[in-house]
Amino acid sequence: MPTLLQLDTFNSDSGNLTVFEKVMPGTIKRVFYIYGASEMSRGGHRHHTAWNALICLHGSCHIYNNDGILEEHYTLNSPTTCLILEPKDWHVMDSFSEDAILLVLSNEYYDRADYIDEPYLMHKQELSV
């Protein structure tokens, strides 16, 4: 299940400082950011081992998540908010604002074999009469 948390932020007359530390397991091995994707969707996968932290540094975006049990929706619109995705979290990022910059930090290097593209099959409970 994803974890939405507020990052420690220190405000002063000389500006704001937001700290990302001790929020996901392992060492950060990969950093990338998504921008210019306003009409596009990204993601559409989960992982075997990689954890990811998503921070919308500017603008906003929507995150759909399915962990095989629960479906959840998040809006990221602050550089002090971080969404931690576990490997089991199948996710789609979309509805990017024109000015959105989504930062992603991962505890694994890119490895195509770590990606699982098929979404979970959600079964409706059958009602017995």
Protein backbone atom coordinates (compact mmCIF):
# COMPACT_ATOMS: atom_id res chain seq x y z
CA MET A 1 0.00 0.00 0.00
CA PRO A 2 1.38 3.45 -0.83
CA THR A 3 2.34 5.84 1.93
CA LEU A 4 1.60 9.55 1.57
CA LEU A 5 3.76 11.64 3.87
CA GLN A 6 4.83 15.20 4.51
CA LEU A 7 8.56 15.76 4.18
CA ASP A 8 10.37 17.75 6.86
CA THR A 9 10.43 21.35 5.68
CA PHE A 10 12.20 24.30 7.22
CA ASN A 11 11.06 27.81 6.29
CA SER A 12 13.05 30.98 6.82
CA ASP A 13 13.45 34.44 5.37
CA SER A 14 16.16 33.06 3.10
CA GLY A 15 13.87 30.40 1.58
CA ASN A 16 12.53 26.93 2.20
CA LEU A 17 14.48 23.70 2.66
CA THR A 18 12.72 20.34 2.30
CA VAL A 19 14.55 17.17 3.34
CA PHE A 20 14.18 13.68 1.84
CA GLU A 21 15.79 11.13 4.14
CA LYS A 22 14.87 7.90 5.92
CA VAL A 23 11.60 7.52 4.02
CA MET A 24 12.18 4.38 1.93
CA PRO A 25 14.39 1.31 2.24
CA GLY A 26 17.81 1.05 0.68
CA THR A 27 19.97 3.61 -1.05
CA ILE A 28 18.74 5.93 -3.78
CA LYS A 29 20.23 4.52 -6.99
CA ARG A 30 18.17 6.26 -9.64
CA VAL A 31 16.62 9.72 -9.96
CA PHE A 32 14.51 10.96 -12.85
CA TYR A 33 11.84 13.56 -13.45
CA ILE A 34 8.83 13.81 -15.72
CA TYR A 35 7.72 17.09 -17.27
CA GLY A 36 5.88 18.27 -20.39
CA ALA A 37 3.45 15.35 -20.05
CA SER A 38 0.20 17.30 -19.50
CA GLU A 39 -2.07 15.15 -21.70
CA MET A 40 -0.12 11.92 -21.36
CA SER A 41 -0.18 9.12 -18.82
CA ARG A 42 2.97 7.48 -17.53
CA GLY A 43 3.68 4.35 -15.55
CA GLY A 44 1.20 1.53 -15.99
CA HIS A 45 3.36 -0.99 -14.16
CA ARG A 46 4.60 -2.30 -10.85
CA HIS A 47 7.93 -3.82 -9.87
CA HIS A 48 9.48 -7.00 -8.55
CA THR A 49 11.90 -5.18 -6.21
CA ALA A 50 12.04 -1.40 -6.79
CA TRP A 51 10.54 1.10 -4.34
CA ASN A 52 9.80 4.58 -5.72
CA ALA A 53 9.23 7.95 -4.09
CA LEU A 54 7.19 10.50 -6.08
CA ILE A 55 7.36 14.23 -5.37
CA CYS A 56 5.63 16.80 -7.56
CA LEU A 57 8.15 19.65 -7.37
CA HIS A 58 5.99 22.04 -9.39
CA GLY A 59 2.37 21.96 -10.55
CA SER A 60 0.24 18.90 -9.92
CA CYS A 61 -0.51 15.38 -11.10
CA HIS A 62 -2.80 12.47 -10.31
CA ILE A 63 -1.63 9.00 -9.27
CA TYR A 64 -3.83 5.91 -9.57
CA ASN A 65 -2.63 2.94 -7.52
CA ASN A 66 -3.75 -0.68 -7.24
CA ASP A 67 -1.95 -3.05 -4.87
CA GLY A 68 -4.03 -6.09 -5.81
CA ILE A 69 -6.49 -5.44 -2.99
CA LEU A 70 -7.22 -1.70 -2.89
CA GLU A 71 -7.53 0.91 -5.62
CA GLU A 72 -6.54 4.42 -4.50
CA HIS A 73 -6.21 7.88 -6.06
CA TYR A 74 -3.79 10.61 -5.03
CA THR A 75 -3.16 14.17 -6.12
CA LEU A 76 0.38 15.43 -5.71
CA ASN A 77 0.58 19.22 -5.74
CA SER A 78 3.26 20.25 -3.24
CA PRO A 79 7.04 19.78 -3.11
CA THR A 80 6.66 18.87 0.57
CA THR A 81 4.41 15.85 -0.11
CA CYS A 82 5.88 12.48 -1.03
CA LEU A 83 4.14 9.31 -2.19
CA ILE A 84 6.09 6.12 -1.48
CA LEU A 85 5.23 3.21 -3.77
CA GLU A 86 6.14 -0.34 -2.79
CA PRO A 87 7.09 -2.84 -5.50
CA LYS A 88 3.56 -4.38 -5.45
CA ASP A 89 1.92 -1.01 -6.24
CA TRP A 90 0.71 -0.97 -9.85
CA HIS A 91 0.47 2.72 -10.71
CA VAL A 92 -0.44 5.21 -13.42
CA MET A 93 0.53 8.88 -13.33
CA ASP A 94 -1.67 11.27 -15.34
CA SER A 95 -3.54 14.60 -15.37
CA PHE A 96 -0.26 16.51 -15.27
CA SER A 97 -0.69 20.28 -15.10
CA GLU A 98 1.10 22.22 -17.85
CA ASP A 99 3.85 23.21 -15.41
CA ALA A 100 4.16 19.87 -13.58
CA ILE A 101 7.57 18.46 -12.70
CA LEU A 102 7.34 15.03 -11.05
CA LEU A 103 10.53 13.85 -9.36
CA VAL A 104 10.95 10.07 -8.91
CA LEU A 105 13.60 8.51 -6.66
CA SER A 106 14.19 4.75 -6.78
CA ASN A 107 16.21 2.36 -4.66
CA GLU A 108 17.07 0.28 -7.76
CA TYR A 109 18.84 0.98 -11.05
CA TYR A 110 16.74 0.73 -14.20
CA ASP A 111 16.20 -2.92 -15.15
CA ARG A 112 13.43 -3.73 -17.64
CA ALA A 113 13.16 -7.22 -16.09
CA ASP A 114 11.99 -5.58 -12.82
CA TYR A 115 8.83 -4.21 -14.49
CA ILE A 116 5.47 -6.00 -14.38
CA ASP A 117 3.20 -4.37 -16.98
CA GLU A 118 0.02 -6.39 -16.48
CA PRO A 119 -2.44 -4.82 -14.02
CA TYR A 120 -3.98 -6.85 -11.24
CA LEU A 121 -7.20 -8.60 -12.10
CA MET A 122 -9.87 -7.28 -9.77
CA HIS A 123 -12.63 -9.81 -9.16
CA LYS A 124 -16.07 -8.74 -8.10
CA GLN A 125 -17.37 -10.76 -5.18
CA GLU A 126 -20.11 -13.09 -6.23
CA LEU A 127 -23.25 -12.82 -4.17
CA SER A 128 -24.79 -16.09 -3.01
CA VAL A 129 -28.56 -16.19 -2.81
